[in-house]
Amino acid sequence: MRHTPAFVLSDVDEVKRLVRENPWATIVSTPASGLVASHYPVVLEETPDDSISIVSHVGRPDERLHELGDHEVLLIVQGPHGYISPGWYPSGQIIPTWNHVTAHLYGTPEVLSDEENFLVLGRLVDHFERVMPDPGSLDLDVEGSRRVAQGTVGIRLHVTRFDARLKLSQDKAPEVADRIIDELEHGDHYANPALAREMRRVRG
């Protein structure tokens, strides 16, 4: 990621929040066959300390393509992001930008046993179904669910290091940031309420 010290995010709890609220991630690896990228849902394992642990699964044969468990991978988590027009700036400021919240997480995945993978798949389903009026569950058809699970491989990523950025117009004057937030919340072009909420968080 571009070296931008002013926007570095080093707070582990904030990185965990980013993962928790943006559970669609990109796995990138560099096996012997060449660069590989895949996209899967992830769930944060809640830990009381500064460690970050994430569980997910991949569909076969992605585990072989990535050579999971053999080397470090990069997991990219992307939060709200969007275009920021210079039309929202004072006269004379003409350079647009792109605000974003992004984390690059590194570690060597642990490949899970079939049984733990099935438990992780159940957690993934329960995690996303919990808000539904009539939540689905793998428990509704355990035998059928286990058959489907055979086509997947579970992984756990203990994050050993991360590089994260909050680029949310922190370098702009307060009145300019207010204008940007207002345009993101209510504007006719490039409205992005989720990005506006992130900007409000940073402003405190």
Protein backbone atom coordinates (compact mmCIF):
# COMPACT_ATOMS: atom_id res chain seq x y z
CA MET A 1 0.00 0.00 0.00
CA ARG A 2 1.18 3.53 -0.72
CA HIS A 3 3.27 5.01 2.10
CA THR A 4 0.97 7.70 3.55
CA PRO A 5 1.96 8.20 7.23
CA ALA A 6 -0.79 10.76 7.85
CA PHE A 7 -3.46 8.15 7.18
CA VAL A 8 -1.94 5.09 8.89
CA LEU A 9 -4.37 3.05 11.00
CA SER A 10 -2.49 1.28 13.80
CA ASP A 11 -5.33 0.69 16.29
CA VAL A 12 -5.94 -3.08 16.42
CA ASP A 13 -9.50 -2.62 17.66
CA GLU A 14 -10.28 -0.41 14.66
CA VAL A 15 -8.85 -3.02 12.29
CA LYS A 16 -11.04 -5.63 13.98
CA ARG A 17 -14.05 -3.36 13.52
CA LEU A 18 -13.20 -3.01 9.84
CA VAL A 19 -13.15 -6.79 9.41
CA ARG A 20 -16.31 -7.23 11.46
CA GLU A 21 -18.26 -4.69 9.41
CA ASN A 22 -16.83 -5.60 5.99
CA PRO A 23 -16.71 -9.40 5.81
CA TRP A 24 -16.06 -9.81 2.06
CA ALA A 25 -12.29 -10.20 1.64
CA THR A 26 -9.71 -10.88 -1.05
CA ILE A 27 -7.06 -13.57 -0.51
CA VAL A 28 -3.86 -13.01 -2.48
CA SER A 29 -0.96 -15.46 -2.62
CA THR A 30 2.17 -16.07 -4.69
CA PRO A 31 2.50 -19.85 -5.12
CA ALA A 32 4.98 -21.44 -7.51
CA SER A 33 2.43 -21.30 -10.34
CA GLY A 34 2.09 -17.51 -10.11
CA LEU A 35 -0.10 -14.85 -8.53
CA VAL A 36 -3.53 -16.05 -7.32
CA ALA A 37 -6.47 -14.06 -5.90
CA SER A 38 -9.80 -15.29 -4.54
CA HIS A 39 -12.76 -13.66 -2.80
CA TYR A 40 -14.59 -15.12 0.19
CA PRO A 41 -16.61 -14.10 3.25
CA VAL A 42 -14.71 -14.00 6.53
CA VAL A 43 -15.63 -13.94 10.20
CA LEU A 44 -13.53 -12.32 12.89
CA GLU A 45 -12.79 -14.54 15.89
CA GLU A 46 -13.31 -12.34 18.90
CA THR A 47 -10.14 -12.27 21.02
CA PRO A 48 -9.59 -10.25 24.21
CA ASP A 49 -6.06 -9.19 23.29
CA ASP A 50 -4.33 -7.46 20.39
CA SER A 51 -4.26 -10.57 18.23
CA ILE A 52 -6.39 -10.77 15.09
CA SER A 53 -7.74 -14.16 14.03
CA ILE A 54 -10.01 -14.69 11.04
CA VAL A 55 -11.79 -17.83 9.86
CA SER A 56 -13.16 -18.56 6.43
CA HIS A 57 -13.25 -21.24 3.77
CA VAL A 58 -12.33 -21.64 0.15
CA GLY A 59 -13.99 -23.76 -2.50
CA ARG A 60 -11.93 -26.61 -3.88
CA PRO A 61 -9.51 -26.46 -5.67
CA ASP A 62 -8.58 -22.98 -4.45
CA GLU A 63 -6.70 -24.48 -1.49
CA ARG A 64 -4.29 -26.11 -3.97
CA LEU A 65 -4.07 -23.06 -6.23
CA HIS A 66 -3.07 -20.89 -3.25
CA GLU A 67 -0.95 -23.63 -1.65
CA LEU A 68 -2.70 -22.71 1.57
CA GLY A 69 -0.72 -23.49 4.69
CA ASP A 70 2.61 -23.47 2.87
CA HIS A 71 3.37 -19.74 2.84
CA GLU A 72 2.17 -16.30 3.84
CA VAL A 73 -0.90 -14.82 2.17
CA LEU A 74 -2.30 -11.31 1.98
CA LEU A 75 -5.91 -10.80 3.02
CA ILE A 76 -7.37 -7.49 1.83
CA VAL A 77 -10.35 -6.01 3.65
CA GLN A 78 -11.96 -2.98 2.02
CA GLY A 79 -14.29 -0.71 3.96
CA PRO A 80 -16.33 2.21 2.62
CA HIS A 81 -14.64 4.13 -0.18
CA GLY A 82 -15.57 6.68 -2.81
CA TYR A 83 -14.76 9.57 -5.08
CA ILE A 84 -14.25 13.03 -3.57
CA SER A 85 -14.87 15.81 -6.08
CA PRO A 86 -12.91 19.09 -6.05
CA GLY A 87 -16.30 20.69 -6.63
CA TRP A 88 -16.76 20.25 -2.88
CA TYR A 89 -13.55 22.17 -2.14
CA PRO A 90 -12.93 25.93 -1.96
CA SER A 91 -12.19 27.76 -5.20
CA GLY A 92 -8.70 27.04 -6.48
CA GLN A 93 -8.43 23.51 -5.11
CA ILE A 94 -8.81 21.39 -8.25
CA ILE A 95 -7.36 17.96 -7.47
CA PRO A 96 -9.90 15.20 -6.75
CA THR A 97 -9.15 12.21 -4.53
CA TRP A 98 -10.56 8.89 -3.39
CA ASN A 99 -11.31 8.37 0.30
CA HIS A 100 -11.11 4.84 1.66
CA VAL A 101 -10.66 2.54 4.62
CA THR A 102 -8.44 -0.43 3.79
CA ALA A 103 -6.47 -3.09 5.64
CA HIS A 104 -3.83 -5.50 4.36
CA LEU A 105 -3.55 -8.47 6.74
CA TYR A 106 -0.70 -10.98 6.54
CA GLY A 107 -0.23 -14.48 7.88
CA THR A 108 0.16 -18.14 6.98
CA PRO A 109 -3.26 -19.83 6.98
CA GLU A 110 -3.94 -22.85 9.12
CA VAL A 111 -5.89 -25.45 7.14
CA LEU A 112 -8.72 -26.78 9.30
CA SER A 113 -9.86 -30.35 9.75
CA ASP A 114 -13.08 -31.39 8.02
CA GLU A 115 -14.93 -31.24 11.33
CA GLU A 116 -13.68 -27.79 12.28
CA ASN A 117 -14.38 -26.58 8.75
CA PHE A 118 -17.98 -27.69 9.13
CA LEU A 119 -18.21 -25.78 12.42
CA VAL A 120 -16.75 -22.68 10.76
CA LEU A 121 -19.23 -22.94 7.88
CA GLY A 122 -22.01 -23.15 10.45
CA ARG A 123 -20.66 -20.03 12.16
CA LEU A 124 -20.53 -18.18 8.85
CA VAL A 125 -24.15 -19.04 8.09
CA ASP A 126 -25.30 -18.20 11.63
CA HIS A 127 -23.36 -14.92 11.55
CA PHE A 128 -25.14 -13.64 8.46
CA GLU A 129 -28.53 -15.22 9.14
CA ARG A 130 -28.88 -13.84 12.66
CA VAL A 131 -30.62 -10.68 11.43
CA MET A 132 -33.16 -12.56 9.31
CA PRO A 133 -36.74 -12.97 10.62
CA ASP A 134 -36.54 -16.75 10.17
CA PRO A 135 -32.79 -17.55 10.30
CA GLY A 136 -31.45 -20.40 8.22
CA SER A 137 -28.95 -22.85 9.68
CA LEU A 138 -26.87 -25.83 8.61
CA ASP A 139 -28.57 -27.64 11.49
CA LEU A 140 -31.77 -27.74 9.45
CA ASP A 141 -30.20 -30.45 7.27
CA VAL A 142 -26.92 -31.61 8.79
CA GLU A 143 -26.45 -34.54 6.43
CA GLY A 144 -27.01 -32.45 3.31
CA SER A 145 -24.89 -29.62 4.68
CA ARG A 146 -22.00 -31.99 5.34
CA ARG A 147 -22.14 -33.19 1.75
CA VAL A 148 -21.89 -29.61 0.48
CA ALA A 149 -19.10 -28.86 2.98
CA GLN A 150 -16.94 -31.52 1.35
CA GLY A 151 -16.43 -29.12 -1.53
CA THR A 152 -14.79 -26.56 0.76
CA VAL A 153 -11.63 -26.22 2.84
CA GLY A 154 -11.68 -24.22 6.08
CA ILE A 155 -8.88 -21.85 7.06
CA ARG A 156 -7.87 -19.80 10.08
CA LEU A 157 -5.58 -16.82 9.60
CA HIS A 158 -3.67 -15.64 12.66
CA VAL A 159 -2.60 -12.19 11.49
CA THR A 160 1.10 -11.65 12.13
CA ARG A 161 1.25 -8.10 10.76
CA PHE A 162 -0.99 -5.58 9.05
CA ASP A 163 -0.84 -2.37 7.06
CA ALA A 164 -4.02 -0.29 7.23
CA ARG A 165 -5.14 3.16 6.09
CA LEU A 166 -7.92 5.59 6.99
CA LYS A 167 -7.82 8.20 4.22
CA LEU A 168 -10.82 10.34 5.08
CA SER A 169 -9.94 13.98 4.31
CA GLN A 170 -8.07 14.43 7.60
CA ASP A 171 -5.80 16.84 5.70
CA LYS A 172 -8.68 19.20 4.90
CA ALA A 173 -9.92 22.14 6.95
CA PRO A 174 -12.90 21.32 9.20
CA GLU A 175 -15.34 23.35 7.11
CA VAL A 176 -14.19 21.52 3.96
CA ALA A 177 -14.59 18.15 5.63
CA ASP A 178 -18.10 19.21 6.70
CA ARG A 179 -18.96 20.03 3.08
CA ILE A 180 -17.62 16.67 1.90
CA ILE A 181 -19.65 14.82 4.53
CA ASP A 182 -22.79 16.73 3.57
CA GLU A 183 -22.31 15.90 -0.13
CA LEU A 184 -21.71 12.23 0.69
CA GLU A 185 -24.85 12.15 2.82
CA HIS A 186 -27.22 14.24 0.72
CA GLY A 187 -25.61 15.13 -2.61
CA ASP A 188 -27.04 14.33 -6.03
CA HIS A 189 -23.71 12.92 -7.26
CA TYR A 190 -21.50 10.33 -5.54
CA ALA A 191 -23.70 10.05 -2.46
CA ASN A 192 -22.08 7.56 -0.07
CA PRO A 193 -23.59 7.57 3.45
CA ALA A 194 -21.34 4.75 4.66
CA LEU A 195 -18.23 6.75 3.75
CA ALA A 196 -19.74 9.84 5.42
CA ARG A 197 -20.19 7.82 8.63
CA GLU A 198 -16.53 6.81 8.56
CA MET A 199 -15.50 10.43 8.16
CA ARG A 200 -17.64 11.41 11.15
CA ARG A 201 -15.97 8.69 13.23
CA VAL A 202 -12.51 9.98 12.40
CA ARG A 203 -13.51 13.55 13.24
CA GLY A 204 -14.70 12.30 16.64
